[in-house]
Amino acid sequence: MEHLTINLYHLEELEVRAKNKAIENHRGHMIDELYCSDFENKSDYYKFIDVLMENEHLIIKDIEKEDLLFFKNGNQANDFSQTNCKKETAKTDVTIQGETYSIVYEEDKDE
């Protein structure tokens, strides 16, 4: 049997370069998730994008709220999605020596 250890890190545990990469990637994700139709007018939409671009602490706050984990290089390791009211699942794909493995983690939510 072979064993594989994968180290995952919270944002504050990353080195500066990896932390900056994680923040910028998450900022891009947050902006991609915005829809102009969610705002009363286009002006508000663009103002909110400006706020996200100028305020790193909002990005960090969202990362912490989502309890995201990262690989050492700053790439996001987990993609949490709610599957039902009592469980959360995380899935990530890892490529090792050309082979891609899916790692799925399921956790019961505290009630």
Protein backbone atom coordinates (compact mmCIF):
# COMPACT_ATOMS: atom_id res chain seq x y z
CA MET A 1 0.00 0.00 0.00
CA GLU A 2 1.24 3.44 -0.84
CA HIS A 3 0.48 6.49 1.28
CA LEU A 4 0.27 10.04 0.06
CA THR A 5 0.40 13.09 2.27
CA ILE A 6 -0.91 16.37 0.90
CA ASN A 7 -0.25 19.47 2.96
CA LEU A 8 -2.99 22.09 2.83
CA TYR A 9 -2.72 25.57 4.27
CA HIS A 10 -4.98 28.34 5.47
CA LEU A 11 -4.33 31.71 3.86
CA GLU A 12 -2.37 33.08 6.82
CA GLU A 13 0.00 30.09 6.71
CA LEU A 14 1.13 30.76 3.13
CA GLU A 15 4.33 32.55 2.20
CA VAL A 16 3.84 36.07 0.84
CA ARG A 17 4.02 35.19 -2.86
CA ALA A 18 1.60 32.26 -2.53
CA LYS A 19 -0.72 34.34 -0.33
CA ASN A 20 -0.84 37.12 -2.93
CA LYS A 21 -1.58 34.56 -5.65
CA ALA A 22 -4.41 33.06 -3.57
CA ILE A 23 -5.92 36.50 -2.92
CA GLU A 24 -5.75 37.55 -6.58
CA ASN A 25 -7.24 34.26 -7.78
CA HIS A 26 -10.08 34.56 -5.28
CA ARG A 27 -10.65 38.20 -6.24
CA GLY A 28 -11.04 37.06 -9.86
CA HIS A 29 -13.46 34.34 -8.78
CA MET A 30 -15.56 36.84 -6.79
CA ILE A 31 -15.73 39.22 -9.75
CA ASP A 32 -16.60 36.39 -12.14
CA GLU A 33 -19.52 35.47 -9.86
CA LEU A 34 -21.05 38.95 -10.09
CA TYR A 35 -23.91 39.63 -12.45
CA CYS A 36 -24.83 43.10 -13.59
CA SER A 37 -28.49 42.14 -13.14
CA ASP A 38 -27.86 41.72 -9.39
CA PHE A 39 -27.42 45.50 -9.12
CA GLU A 40 -29.92 48.30 -9.63
CA ASN A 41 -27.80 49.82 -12.39
CA LYS A 42 -24.51 49.31 -14.20
CA SER A 43 -22.90 52.10 -12.22
CA ASP A 44 -23.39 50.19 -8.95
CA TYR A 45 -22.03 47.04 -10.57
CA TYR A 46 -18.83 48.78 -11.65
CA LYS A 47 -18.47 50.55 -8.29
CA PHE A 48 -18.62 47.20 -6.51
CA ILE A 49 -15.96 45.77 -8.81
CA ASP A 50 -13.79 48.82 -7.99
CA VAL A 51 -14.34 48.15 -4.29
CA LEU A 52 -13.19 44.55 -4.71
CA MET A 53 -10.15 45.67 -6.70
CA GLU A 54 -9.11 48.22 -4.08
CA ASN A 55 -9.88 46.38 -0.83
CA GLU A 56 -7.80 43.30 -0.20
CA HIS A 57 -9.33 42.90 3.27
CA LEU A 58 -12.74 42.11 1.69
CA ILE A 59 -11.17 39.30 -0.31
CA ILE A 60 -9.37 37.93 2.75
CA LYS A 61 -12.58 38.14 4.78
CA ASP A 62 -14.42 36.08 2.14
CA ILE A 63 -11.62 33.49 2.02
CA GLU A 64 -11.78 33.15 5.81
CA LYS A 65 -15.59 32.98 5.81
CA GLU A 66 -15.47 30.17 3.24
CA ASP A 67 -12.66 28.46 5.23
CA LEU A 68 -10.72 27.88 2.03
CA LEU A 69 -7.57 25.79 1.96
CA PHE A 70 -4.63 26.15 -0.39
CA PHE A 71 -1.67 24.23 -1.68
CA LYS A 72 1.78 25.63 -0.83
CA ASN A 73 1.93 27.52 -4.16
CA GLY A 74 -1.32 29.43 -3.45
CA ASN A 75 -3.67 27.40 -5.63
CA GLN A 76 -7.02 26.76 -4.00
CA ALA A 77 -7.29 23.18 -2.79
CA ASN A 78 -10.95 22.85 -1.95
CA ASP A 79 -14.16 23.72 -3.67
CA PHE A 80 -16.89 23.43 -1.06
CA SER A 81 -20.45 23.07 -2.15
CA GLN A 82 -23.46 22.33 -0.06
CA THR A 83 -25.02 19.02 -1.04
CA ASN A 84 -27.80 19.07 1.52
CA CYS A 85 -28.60 20.67 4.84
CA LYS A 86 -26.46 18.26 6.85
CA LYS A 87 -23.36 17.66 4.73
CA GLU A 88 -20.70 19.62 2.89
CA THR A 89 -18.40 18.12 0.32
CA ALA A 90 -15.06 19.27 -0.97
CA LYS A 91 -13.47 18.04 -4.16
CA THR A 92 -10.17 18.77 -5.75
CA ASP A 93 -8.20 17.18 -8.56
CA VAL A 94 -4.51 16.54 -8.03
CA THR A 95 -2.10 15.54 -10.78
CA ILE A 96 0.90 13.49 -9.71
CA GLN A 97 3.38 12.25 -12.30
CA GLY A 98 0.84 12.69 -15.09
CA GLU A 99 -1.99 10.86 -13.29
CA THR A 100 -4.99 12.90 -12.13
CA TYR A 101 -6.70 11.89 -8.91
CA SER A 102 -9.96 13.28 -7.53
CA ILE A 103 -10.00 13.73 -3.79
CA VAL A 104 -13.45 14.02 -2.27
CA TYR A 105 -14.01 14.90 1.36
CA GLU A 106 -17.42 14.85 2.96
CA GLU A 107 -18.13 16.40 6.34
CA ASP A 108 -21.21 16.43 8.52
CA LYS A 109 -22.24 19.98 9.40
CA ASP A 110 -22.73 20.88 13.03
CA GLU A 111 -26.34 21.45 13.84
